[in-house]
Amino acid sequence: MDDVFKALADPTRRLLLDRLFVENGQTLGALCTQLGMTRQAVTKHLRILEAANLVATVRQGREKLHYLNPVPIHEIAQRWIGKYERGRLRLLDDLKTRLEGDHDG
């Protein structure tokens, strides 16, 4: 998970993931055009995202297509966000139940 957090710490890499979320399966050239960055800079960021398993690539002829892999983000949500949300959601449900009970009596 450390690689995922490190990859997500950079705003350019988050932007790359956002671009792939909007349009999955993009080439390096398409990603460079959208970001206004050099191929070398985008390639460096994509390597980090691939190492963190956030981006998967598929060769299609001469092109290499980049795809968003949402699984590591989902795992973070389950491990870190979900466990902290459960308690708060339980409290909100209890409050709702109490407030609805007051209206009935």
PDB file of N, CA and C in Angstrom:
ATOM      1  N   MET A   1       0.812  -1.199   0.000  1.00  0.00           N
ATOM      2  CA  MET A   1       0.000   0.000   0.000  1.00  0.00           C
ATOM      3  C   MET A   1       0.853   1.260   0.000  1.00  0.00           C
ATOM      4  N   ASP A   2       2.083   1.170   0.466  1.00  0.00           N
ATOM      5  CA  ASP A   2       2.958   2.340   0.481  1.00  0.00           C
ATOM      6  C   ASP A   2       3.163   2.901  -0.921  1.00  0.00           C
ATOM      7  N   ASP A   3       3.335   2.002  -1.906  1.00  0.00           N
ATOM      8  CA  ASP A   3       3.523   2.456  -3.290  1.00  0.00           C
ATOM      9  C   ASP A   3       2.294   3.206  -3.797  1.00  0.00           C
ATOM     10  N   VAL A   4       1.129   2.754  -3.399  1.00  0.00           N
ATOM     11  CA  VAL A   4      -0.112   3.413  -3.828  1.00  0.00           C
ATOM     12  C   VAL A   4      -0.198   4.814  -3.232  1.00  0.00           C
ATOM     13  N   PHE A   5       0.073   4.930  -1.935  1.00  0.00           N
ATOM     14  CA  PHE A   5       0.032   6.245  -1.294  1.00  0.00           C
ATOM     15  C   PHE A   5       1.067   7.188  -1.894  1.00  0.00           C
ATOM     16  N   LYS A   6       2.266   6.678  -2.152  1.00  0.00           N
ATOM     17  CA  LYS A   6       3.307   7.511  -2.764  1.00  0.00           C
ATOM     18  C   LYS A   6       2.895   7.957  -4.159  1.00  0.00           C
ATOM     19  N   ALA A   7       2.298   7.055  -4.925  1.00  0.00           N
ATOM     20  CA  ALA A   7       1.857   7.406  -6.278  1.00  0.00           C
ATOM     21  C   ALA A   7       0.747   8.454  -6.234  1.00  0.00           C
ATOM     22  N   LEU A   8      -0.167   8.309  -5.295  1.00  0.00           N
ATOM     23  CA  LEU A   8      -1.292   9.240  -5.198  1.00  0.00           C
ATOM     24  C   LEU A   8      -0.909  10.584  -4.588  1.00  0.00           C
ATOM     25  N   ALA A   9       0.266  10.663  -3.992  1.00  0.00           N
ATOM     26  CA  ALA A   9       0.701  11.906  -3.352  1.00  0.00           C
ATOM     27  C   ALA A   9       0.998  13.008  -4.362  1.00  0.00           C
ATOM     28  N   ASP A  10       1.257  12.652  -5.604  1.00  0.00           N
ATOM     29  CA  ASP A  10       1.630  13.636  -6.618  1.00  0.00           C
ATOM     30  C   ASP A  10       0.402  14.107  -7.402  1.00  0.00           C
ATOM     31  N   PRO A  11       0.187  15.425  -7.520  1.00  0.00           N
ATOM     32  CA  PRO A  11      -0.997  15.931  -8.226  1.00  0.00           C
ATOM     33  C   PRO A  11      -1.007  15.570  -9.711  1.00  0.00           C
ATOM     34  N   THR A  12       0.144  15.477 -10.342  1.00  0.00           N
ATOM     35  CA  THR A  12       0.183  15.110 -11.759  1.00  0.00           C
ATOM     36  C   THR A  12      -0.273  13.667 -11.951  1.00  0.00           C
ATOM     37  N   ARG A  13       0.145  12.793 -11.060  1.00  0.00           N
ATOM     38  CA  ARG A  13      -0.276  11.397 -11.167  1.00  0.00           C
ATOM     39  C   ARG A  13      -1.771  11.252 -10.882  1.00  0.00           C
ATOM     40  N   ARG A  14      -2.281  12.033  -9.956  1.00  0.00           N
ATOM     41  CA  ARG A  14      -3.735  12.010  -9.710  1.00  0.00           C
ATOM     42  C   ARG A  14      -4.480  12.505 -10.940  1.00  0.00           C
ATOM     43  N   LEU A  15      -3.939  13.502 -11.602  1.00  0.00           N
ATOM     44  CA  LEU A  15      -4.555  14.014 -12.826  1.00  0.00           C
ATOM     45  C   LEU A  15      -4.535  12.954 -13.929  1.00  0.00           C
ATOM     46  N   LEU A  16      -3.440  12.226 -14.047  1.00  0.00           N
ATOM     47  CA  LEU A  16      -3.375  11.132 -15.018  1.00  0.00           C
ATOM     48  C   LEU A  16      -4.464  10.094 -14.734  1.00  0.00           C
ATOM     49  N   LEU A  17      -4.635   9.739 -13.482  1.00  0.00           N
ATOM     50  CA  LEU A  17      -5.682   8.783 -13.124  1.00  0.00           C
ATOM     51  C   LEU A  17      -7.062   9.339 -13.446  1.00  0.00           C
ATOM     52  N   ASP A  18      -7.268  10.629 -13.199  1.00  0.00           N
ATOM     53  CA  ASP A  18      -8.545  11.260 -13.542  1.00  0.00           C
ATOM     54  C   ASP A  18      -8.791  11.202 -15.042  1.00  0.00           C
ATOM     55  N   ARG A  19      -7.757  11.452 -15.826  1.00  0.00           N
ATOM     56  CA  ARG A  19      -7.883  11.402 -17.298  1.00  0.00           C
ATOM     57  C   ARG A  19      -8.227   9.991 -17.759  1.00  0.00           C
ATOM     58  N   LEU A  20      -7.611   8.989 -17.126  1.00  0.00           N
ATOM     59  CA  LEU A  20      -7.921   7.610 -17.500  1.00  0.00           C
ATOM     60  C   LEU A  20      -9.305   7.201 -17.018  1.00  0.00           C
ATOM     61  N   PHE A  21      -9.765   7.783 -15.932  1.00  0.00           N
ATOM     62  CA  PHE A  21     -11.121   7.502 -15.469  1.00  0.00           C
ATOM     63  C   PHE A  21     -12.141   8.014 -16.490  1.00  0.00           C
ATOM     64  N   VAL A  22     -11.883   9.200 -17.023  1.00  0.00           N
ATOM     65  CA  VAL A  22     -12.797   9.801 -18.004  1.00  0.00           C
ATOM     66  C   VAL A  22     -12.761   9.031 -19.322  1.00  0.00           C
ATOM     67  N   GLU A  23     -11.556   8.678 -19.747  1.00  0.00           N
ATOM     68  CA  GLU A  23     -11.396   7.951 -21.016  1.00  0.00           C
ATOM     69  C   GLU A  23     -10.300   6.904 -20.829  1.00  0.00           C
ATOM     70  N   ASN A  24     -10.710   5.697 -20.566  1.00  0.00           N
ATOM     71  CA  ASN A  24      -9.772   4.609 -20.313  1.00  0.00           C
ATOM     72  C   ASN A  24      -9.154   4.123 -21.615  1.00  0.00           C
ATOM     73  N   GLY A  25      -7.962   3.566 -21.550  1.00  0.00           N
ATOM     74  CA  GLY A  25      -7.325   2.993 -22.724  1.00  0.00           C
ATOM     75  C   GLY A  25      -6.657   4.018 -23.623  1.00  0.00           C
ATOM     76  N   GLN A  26      -5.966   4.974 -23.034  1.00  0.00           N
ATOM     77  CA  GLN A  26      -5.323   6.030 -23.820  1.00  0.00           C
ATOM     78  C   GLN A  26      -3.859   5.703 -24.101  1.00  0.00           C
ATOM     79  N   THR A  27      -3.377   6.225 -25.201  1.00  0.00           N
ATOM     80  CA  THR A  27      -1.970   6.096 -25.543  1.00  0.00           C
ATOM     81  C   THR A  27      -1.159   7.158 -24.797  1.00  0.00           C
ATOM     82  N   LEU A  28       0.137   6.972 -24.797  1.00  0.00           N
ATOM     83  CA  LEU A  28       1.034   7.953 -24.195  1.00  0.00           C
ATOM     84  C   LEU A  28       0.867   9.306 -24.879  1.00  0.00           C
ATOM     85  N   GLY A  29       0.777   9.293 -26.202  1.00  0.00           N
ATOM     86  CA  GLY A  29       0.614  10.541 -26.955  1.00  0.00           C
ATOM     87  C   GLY A  29      -0.639  11.302 -26.562  1.00  0.00           C
ATOM     88  N   ALA A  30      -1.741  10.582 -26.409  1.00  0.00           N
ATOM     89  CA  ALA A  30      -3.000  11.229 -26.017  1.00  0.00           C
ATOM     90  C   ALA A  30      -2.891  11.832 -24.627  1.00  0.00           C
ATOM     91  N   LEU A  31      -2.263  11.113 -23.711  1.00  0.00           N
ATOM     92  CA  LEU A  31      -2.101  11.628 -22.349  1.00  0.00           C
ATOM     93  C   LEU A  31      -1.191  12.855 -22.333  1.00  0.00           C
ATOM     94  N   CYS A  32      -0.142  12.839 -23.145  1.00  0.00           N
ATOM     95  CA  CYS A  32       0.769  13.995 -23.218  1.00  0.00           C
ATOM     96  C   CYS A  32       0.050  15.226 -23.733  1.00  0.00           C
ATOM     97  N   THR A  33      -0.766  15.056 -24.747  1.00  0.00           N
ATOM     98  CA  THR A  33      -1.498  16.175 -25.338  1.00  0.00           C
ATOM     99  C   THR A  33      -2.432  16.810 -24.318  1.00  0.00           C
ATOM    100  N   GLN A  34      -3.123  15.985 -23.564  1.00  0.00           N
ATOM    101  CA  GLN A  34      -4.079  16.487 -22.575  1.00  0.00           C
ATOM    102  C   GLN A  34      -3.393  17.220 -21.428  1.00  0.00           C
ATOM    103  N   LEU A  35      -2.176  16.798 -21.093  1.00  0.00           N
ATOM    104  CA  LEU A  35      -1.488  17.368 -19.935  1.00  0.00           C
ATOM    105  C   LEU A  35      -0.520  18.476 -20.297  1.00  0.00           C
ATOM    106  N   GLY A  36      -0.172  18.589 -21.582  1.00  0.00           N
ATOM    107  CA  GLY A  36       0.802  19.600 -21.980  1.00  0.00           C
ATOM    108  C   GLY A  36       2.179  19.326 -21.414  1.00  0.00           C
ATOM    109  N   MET A  37       2.535  18.052 -21.296  1.00  0.00           N
ATOM    110  CA  MET A  37       3.834  17.646 -20.756  1.00  0.00           C
ATOM    111  C   MET A  37       4.606  16.868 -21.811  1.00  0.00           C
ATOM    112  N   THR A  38       5.900  16.758 -21.599  1.00  0.00           N
ATOM    113  CA  THR A  38       6.726  15.972 -22.514  1.00  0.00           C
ATOM    114  C   THR A  38       6.439  14.486 -22.322  1.00  0.00           C
ATOM    115  N   ARG A  39       6.776  13.715 -23.331  1.00  0.00           N
ATOM    116  CA  ARG A  39       6.597  12.264 -23.255  1.00  0.00           C
ATOM    117  C   ARG A  39       7.412  11.672 -22.103  1.00  0.00           C
ATOM    118  N   GLN A  40       8.619  12.200 -21.925  1.00  0.00           N
ATOM    119  CA  GLN A  40       9.487  11.681 -20.871  1.00  0.00           C
ATOM    120  C   GLN A  40       8.879  11.905 -19.490  1.00  0.00           C
ATOM    121  N   ALA A  41       8.311  13.080 -19.270  1.00  0.00           N
ATOM    122  CA  ALA A  41       7.706  13.393 -17.972  1.00  0.00           C
ATOM    123  C   ALA A  41       6.492  12.503 -17.706  1.00  0.00           C
ATOM    124  N   VAL A  42       5.642  12.357 -18.710  1.00  0.00           N
ATOM    125  CA  VAL A  42       4.451  11.525 -18.537  1.00  0.00           C
ATOM    126  C   VAL A  42       4.848  10.062 -18.347  1.00  0.00           C
ATOM    127  N   THR A  43       5.854   9.617 -19.103  1.00  0.00           N
ATOM    128  CA  THR A  43       6.330   8.239 -18.971  1.00  0.00           C
ATOM    129  C   THR A  43       6.827   7.961 -17.557  1.00  0.00           C
ATOM    130  N   LYS A  44       7.538   8.907 -16.986  1.00  0.00           N
ATOM    131  CA  LYS A  44       8.045   8.752 -15.613  1.00  0.00           C
ATOM    132  C   LYS A  44       6.882   8.577 -14.626  1.00  0.00           C
ATOM    133  N   HIS A  45       5.860   9.404 -14.768  1.00  0.00           N
ATOM    134  CA  HIS A  45       4.696   9.309 -13.881  1.00  0.00           C
ATOM    135  C   HIS A  45       3.939   7.995 -14.098  1.00  0.00           C
ATOM    136  N   LEU A  46       3.812   7.587 -15.352  1.00  0.00           N
ATOM    137  CA  LEU A  46       3.103   6.339 -15.643  1.00  0.00           C
ATOM    138  C   LEU A  46       3.843   5.130 -15.067  1.00  0.00           C
ATOM    139  N   ARG A  47       5.160   5.152 -15.090  1.00  0.00           N
ATOM    140  CA  ARG A  47       5.939   4.048 -14.506  1.00  0.00           C
ATOM    141  C   ARG A  47       5.648   3.909 -13.013  1.00  0.00           C
ATOM    142  N   ILE A  48       5.556   5.035 -12.334  1.00  0.00           N
ATOM    143  CA  ILE A  48       5.265   5.012 -10.896  1.00  0.00           C
ATOM    144  C   ILE A  48       3.852   4.477 -10.655  1.00  0.00           C
ATOM    145  N   LEU A  49       2.907   4.903 -11.491  1.00  0.00           N
ATOM    146  CA  LEU A  49       1.531   4.419 -11.368  1.00  0.00           C
ATOM    147  C   LEU A  49       1.443   2.927 -11.674  1.00  0.00           C
ATOM    148  N   GLU A  50       2.204   2.467 -12.657  1.00  0.00           N
ATOM    149  CA  GLU A  50       2.231   1.040 -12.983  1.00  0.00           C
ATOM    150  C   GLU A  50       2.849   0.237 -11.841  1.00  0.00           C
ATOM    151  N   ALA A  51       3.928   0.741 -11.254  1.00  0.00           N
ATOM    152  CA  ALA A  51       4.586   0.051 -10.137  1.00  0.00           C
ATOM    153  C   ALA A  51       3.645  -0.080  -8.942  1.00  0.00           C
ATOM    154  N   ALA A  52       2.740   0.889  -8.785  1.00  0.00           N
ATOM    155  CA  ALA A  52       1.759   0.856  -7.698  1.00  0.00           C
ATOM    156  C   ALA A  52       0.509   0.071  -8.091  1.00  0.00           C
ATOM    157  N   ASN A  53       0.507  -0.477  -9.297  1.00  0.00           N
ATOM    158  CA  ASN A  53      -0.612  -1.259  -9.832  1.00  0.00           C
ATOM    159  C   ASN A  53      -1.883  -0.418 -10.030  1.00  0.00           C
ATOM    160  N   LEU A  54      -1.714   0.893 -10.177  1.00  0.00           N
ATOM    161  CA  LEU A  54      -2.859   1.779 -10.423  1.00  0.00           C
ATOM    162  C   LEU A  54      -3.157   1.915 -11.907  1.00  0.00           C
ATOM    163  N   VAL A  55      -2.183   1.588 -12.741  1.00  0.00           N
ATOM    164  CA  VAL A  55      -2.351   1.640 -14.189  1.00  0.00           C
ATOM    165  C   VAL A  55      -1.858   0.320 -14.765  1.00  0.00           C
ATOM    166  N   ALA A  56      -2.640  -0.233 -15.673  1.00  0.00           N
ATOM    167  CA  ALA A  56      -2.260  -1.439 -16.407  1.00  0.00           C
ATOM    168  C   ALA A  56      -2.123  -1.062 -17.877  1.00  0.00           C
ATOM    169  N   THR A  57      -1.241  -1.742 -18.572  1.00  0.00           N
ATOM    170  CA  THR A  57      -1.032  -1.452 -19.987  1.00  0.00           C
ATOM    171  C   THR A  57      -1.307  -2.690 -20.830  1.00  0.00           C
ATOM    172  N   VAL A  58      -1.759  -2.416 -22.044  1.00  0.00           N
ATOM    173  CA  VAL A  58      -2.015  -3.478 -23.015  1.00  0.00           C
ATOM    174  C   VAL A  58      -1.460  -3.019 -24.349  1.00  0.00           C
ATOM    175  N   ARG A  59      -0.680  -3.873 -24.987  1.00  0.00           N
ATOM    176  CA  ARG A  59      -0.162  -3.571 -26.325  1.00  0.00           C
ATOM    177  C   ARG A  59      -1.230  -3.922 -27.339  1.00  0.00           C
ATOM    178  N   GLN A  60      -1.467  -2.974 -28.237  1.00  0.00           N
ATOM    179  CA  GLN A  60      -2.419  -3.195 -29.321  1.00  0.00           C
ATOM    180  C   GLN A  60      -1.716  -2.755 -30.602  1.00  0.00           C
ATOM    181  N   GLY A  61      -1.126  -3.716 -31.275  1.00  0.00           N
ATOM    182  CA  GLY A  61      -0.309  -3.387 -32.438  1.00  0.00           C
ATOM    183  C   GLY A  61       0.923  -2.634 -31.979  1.00  0.00           C
ATOM    184  N   ARG A  62       1.132  -1.468 -32.567  1.00  0.00           N
ATOM    185  CA  ARG A  62       2.280  -0.641 -32.197  1.00  0.00           C
ATOM    186  C   ARG A  62       1.990   0.276 -31.014  1.00  0.00           C
ATOM    187  N   GLU A  63       0.741   0.331 -30.607  1.00  0.00           N
ATOM    188  CA  GLU A  63       0.356   1.231 -29.518  1.00  0.00           C
ATOM    189  C   GLU A  63       0.335   0.507 -28.179  1.00  0.00           C
ATOM    190  N   LYS A  64       0.619   1.264 -27.157  1.00  0.00           N
ATOM    191  CA  LYS A  64       0.519   0.775 -25.781  1.00  0.00           C
ATOM    192  C   LYS A  64      -0.596   1.578 -25.122  1.00  0.00           C
ATOM    193  N   LEU A  65      -1.656   0.899 -24.737  1.00  0.00           N
ATOM    194  CA  LEU A  65      -2.808   1.565 -24.136  1.00  0.00           C
ATOM    195  C   LEU A  65      -2.726   1.468 -22.619  1.00  0.00           C
ATOM    196  N   HIS A  66      -3.085   2.552 -21.965  1.00  0.00           N
ATOM    197  CA  HIS A  66      -3.020   2.655 -20.501  1.00  0.00           C
ATOM    198  C   HIS A  66      -4.434   2.633 -19.936  1.00  0.00           C
ATOM    199  N   TYR A  67      -4.621   1.798 -18.933  1.00  0.00           N
ATOM    200  CA  TYR A  67      -5.935   1.623 -18.315  1.00  0.00           C
ATOM    201  C   TYR A  67      -5.835   1.845 -16.808  1.00  0.00           C
ATOM    202  N   LEU A  68      -6.855   2.473 -16.267  1.00  0.00           N
ATOM    203  CA  LEU A  68      -6.967   2.675 -14.827  1.00  0.00           C
ATOM    204  C   LEU A  68      -7.299   1.346 -14.167  1.00  0.00           C
ATOM    205  N   ASN A  69      -6.590   1.024 -13.100  1.00  0.00           N
ATOM    206  CA  ASN A  69      -6.908  -0.141 -12.279  1.00  0.00           C
ATOM    207  C   ASN A  69      -7.413   0.376 -10.934  1.00  0.00           C
ATOM    208  N   PRO A  70      -8.716   0.341 -10.693  1.00  0.00           N
ATOM    209  CA  PRO A  70      -9.266   0.919  -9.466  1.00  0.00           C
ATOM    210  C   PRO A  70      -9.120   0.033  -8.232  1.00  0.00           C
ATOM    211  N   VAL A  71      -8.633  -1.178  -8.375  1.00  0.00           N
ATOM    212  CA  VAL A  71      -8.578  -2.114  -7.248  1.00  0.00           C
ATOM    213  C   VAL A  71      -7.752  -1.581  -6.075  1.00  0.00           C
ATOM    214  N   PRO A  72      -6.534  -1.061  -6.289  1.00  0.00           N
ATOM    215  CA  PRO A  72      -5.781  -0.561  -5.136  1.00  0.00           C
ATOM    216  C   PRO A  72      -6.478   0.591  -4.400  1.00  0.00           C
ATOM    217  N   ILE A  73      -7.178   1.439  -5.131  1.00  0.00           N
ATOM    218  CA  ILE A  73      -7.905   2.545  -4.502  1.00  0.00           C
ATOM    219  C   ILE A  73      -9.070   1.994  -3.679  1.00  0.00           C
ATOM    220  N   HIS A  74      -9.729   0.988  -4.211  1.00  0.00           N
ATOM    221  CA  HIS A  74     -10.824   0.344  -3.478  1.00  0.00           C
ATOM    222  C   HIS A  74     -10.302  -0.298  -2.191  1.00  0.00           C
ATOM    223  N   GLU A  75      -9.132  -0.929  -2.279  1.00  0.00           N
ATOM    224  CA  GLU A  75      -8.545  -1.547  -1.092  1.00  0.00           C
ATOM    225  C   GLU A  75      -8.222  -0.501  -0.026  1.00  0.00           C
ATOM    226  N   ILE A  76      -7.747   0.663  -0.456  1.00  0.00           N
ATOM    227  CA  ILE A  76      -7.489   1.755   0.492  1.00  0.00           C
ATOM    228  C   ILE A  76      -8.796   2.206   1.136  1.00  0.00           C
ATOM    229  N   ALA A  77      -9.817   2.329   0.315  1.00  0.00           N
ATOM    230  CA  ALA A  77     -11.116   2.752   0.848  1.00  0.00           C
ATOM    231  C   ALA A  77     -11.618   1.752   1.887  1.00  0.00           C
ATOM    232  N   GLN A  78     -11.475   0.473   1.589  1.00  0.00           N
ATOM    233  CA  GLN A  78     -11.937  -0.550   2.528  1.00  0.00           C
ATOM    234  C   GLN A  78     -11.104  -0.553   3.808  1.00  0.00           C
ATOM    235  N   ARG A  79      -9.798  -0.459   3.642  1.00  0.00           N
ATOM    236  CA  ARG A  79      -8.880  -0.592   4.785  1.00  0.00           C
ATOM    237  C   ARG A  79      -8.852   0.654   5.651  1.00  0.00           C
ATOM    238  N   TRP A  80      -8.777   1.822   5.040  1.00  0.00           N
ATOM    239  CA  TRP A  80      -8.539   3.040   5.802  1.00  0.00           C
ATOM    240  C   TRP A  80      -9.782   3.907   5.958  1.00  0.00           C
ATOM    241  N   ILE A  81     -10.526   4.087   4.912  1.00  0.00           N
ATOM    242  CA  ILE A  81     -11.671   4.992   4.977  1.00  0.00           C
ATOM    243  C   ILE A  81     -12.889   4.280   5.550  1.00  0.00           C
ATOM    244  N   GLY A  82     -13.146   3.076   5.063  1.00  0.00           N
ATOM    245  CA  GLY A  82     -14.331   2.330   5.475  1.00  0.00           C
ATOM    246  C   GLY A  82     -14.418   2.097   6.963  1.00  0.00           C
ATOM    247  N   LYS A  83     -13.302   1.717   7.581  1.00  0.00           N
ATOM    248  CA  LYS A  83     -13.371   1.403   9.007  1.00  0.00           C
ATOM    249  C   LYS A  83     -13.642   2.639   9.848  1.00  0.00           C
ATOM    250  N   TYR A  84     -13.230   3.801   9.391  1.00  0.00           N
ATOM    251  CA  TYR A  84     -13.503   5.031  10.136  1.00  0.00           C
ATOM    252  C   TYR A  84     -14.906   5.548   9.860  1.00  0.00           C
ATOM    253  N   GLU A  85     -15.449   5.242   8.716  1.00  0.00           N
ATOM    254  CA  GLU A  85     -16.804   5.678   8.368  1.00  0.00           C
ATOM    255  C   GLU A  85     -17.867   4.876   9.095  1.00  0.00           C
ATOM    256  N   ARG A  86     -17.619   3.594   9.308  1.00  0.00           N
ATOM    257  CA  ARG A  86     -18.633   2.732   9.919  1.00  0.00           C
ATOM    258  C   ARG A  86     -19.130   3.288  11.242  1.00  0.00           C
ATOM    259  N   GLY A  87     -18.237   3.727  12.095  1.00  0.00           N
ATOM    260  CA  GLY A  87     -18.645   4.267  13.392  1.00  0.00           C
ATOM    261  C   GLY A  87     -19.487   5.514  13.248  1.00  0.00           C
ATOM    262  N   ARG A  88     -19.074   6.377  12.346  1.00  0.00           N
ATOM    263  CA  ARG A  88     -19.826   7.619  12.147  1.00  0.00           C
ATOM    264  C   ARG A  88     -21.203   7.327  11.551  1.00  0.00           C
ATOM    265  N   LEU A  89     -21.271   6.389  10.619  1.00  0.00           N
ATOM    266  CA  LEU A  89     -22.561   6.042  10.028  1.00  0.00           C
ATOM    267  C   LEU A  89     -23.486   5.405  11.068  1.00  0.00           C
ATOM    268  N   ARG A  90     -22.908   4.609  11.958  1.00  0.00           N
ATOM    269  CA  ARG A  90     -23.703   3.998  13.023  1.00  0.00           C
ATOM    270  C   ARG A  90     -24.282   5.083  13.931  1.00  0.00           C
ATOM    271  N   LEU A  91     -23.459   6.090  14.263  1.00  0.00           N
ATOM    272  CA  LEU A  91     -23.945   7.194  15.101  1.00  0.00           C
ATOM    273  C   LEU A  91     -25.052   7.982  14.410  1.00  0.00           C
ATOM    274  N   LEU A  92     -24.889   8.228  13.124  1.00  0.00           N
ATOM    275  CA  LEU A  92     -25.931   8.945  12.374  1.00  0.00           C
ATOM    276  C   LEU A  92     -27.222   8.137  12.316  1.00  0.00           C
ATOM    277  N   ASP A  93     -27.106   6.819  12.162  1.00  0.00           N
ATOM    278  CA  ASP A  93     -28.289   5.966  12.146  1.00  0.00           C
ATOM    279  C   ASP A  93     -28.994   5.986  13.501  1.00  0.00           C
ATOM    280  N   ASP A  94     -28.200   5.937  14.593  1.00  0.00           N
ATOM    281  CA  ASP A  94     -28.790   6.012  15.939  1.00  0.00           C
ATOM    282  C   ASP A  94     -29.503   7.342  16.147  1.00  0.00           C
ATOM    283  N   LEU A  95     -28.878   8.438  15.696  1.00  0.00           N
ATOM    284  CA  LEU A  95     -29.489   9.757  15.820  1.00  0.00           C
ATOM    285  C   LEU A  95     -30.791   9.828  15.033  1.00  0.00           C
ATOM    286  N   LYS A  96     -30.769   9.311  13.829  1.00  0.00           N
ATOM    287  CA  LYS A  96     -31.971   9.288  12.988  1.00  0.00           C
ATOM    288  C   LYS A  96     -33.092   8.509  13.674  1.00  0.00           C
ATOM    289  N   THR A  97     -32.749   7.360  14.218  1.00  0.00           N
ATOM    290  CA  THR A  97     -33.742   6.531  14.912  1.00  0.00           C
ATOM    291  C   THR A  97     -34.343   7.274  16.092  1.00  0.00           C
ATOM    292  N   ARG A  98     -33.488   7.936  16.871  1.00  0.00           N
ATOM    293  CA  ARG A  98     -33.970   8.703  18.027  1.00  0.00           C
ATOM    294  C   ARG A  98     -34.868   9.851  17.597  1.00  0.00           C
ATOM    295  N   LEU A  99     -34.451  10.584  16.576  1.00  0.00           N
ATOM    296  CA  LEU A  99     -35.235  11.725  16.109  1.00  0.00           C
ATOM    297  C   LEU A  99     -36.572  11.286  15.536  1.00  0.00           C
ATOM    298  N   GLU A 100     -36.569  10.201  14.814  1.00  0.00           N
ATOM    299  CA  GLU A 100     -37.834   9.682  14.267  1.00  0.00           C
ATOM    300  C   GLU A 100     -38.733   9.188  15.388  1.00  0.00           C
ATOM    301  N   GLY A 101     -38.145   8.642  16.444  1.00  0.00           N
ATOM    302  CA  GLY A 101     -38.921   8.182  17.604  1.00  0.00           C
ATOM    303  C   GLY A 101     -39.603   9.323  18.318  1.00  0.00           C
ATOM    304  N   ASP A 102     -38.917  10.503  18.358  1.00  0.00           N
ATOM    305  CA  ASP A 102     -39.503  11.679  19.007  1.00  0.00           C
ATOM    306  C   ASP A 102     -40.718  12.172  18.262  1.00  0.00           C
ATOM    307  N   HIS A 103     -40.743  12.036  16.925  1.00  0.00           N
ATOM    308  CA  HIS A 103     -41.878  12.503  16.144  1.00  0.00           C
ATOM    309  C   HIS A 103     -43.099  11.605  16.327  1.00  0.00           C
ATOM    310  N   ASP A 104     -42.874  10.333  16.630  1.00  0.00           N
ATOM    311  CA  ASP A 104     -43.990   9.412  16.781  1.00  0.00           C
ATOM    312  C   ASP A 104     -44.697   9.583  18.117  1.00  0.00           C
ATOM    313  N   GLY A 105     -44.002  10.035  19.161  1.00  0.00           N
ATOM    314  CA  GLY A 105     -44.565  10.097  20.501  1.00  0.00           C
ATOM    315  C   GLY A 105     -45.163  11.411  20.753  1.00  0.00           C
TER     316      GLY A 105
END
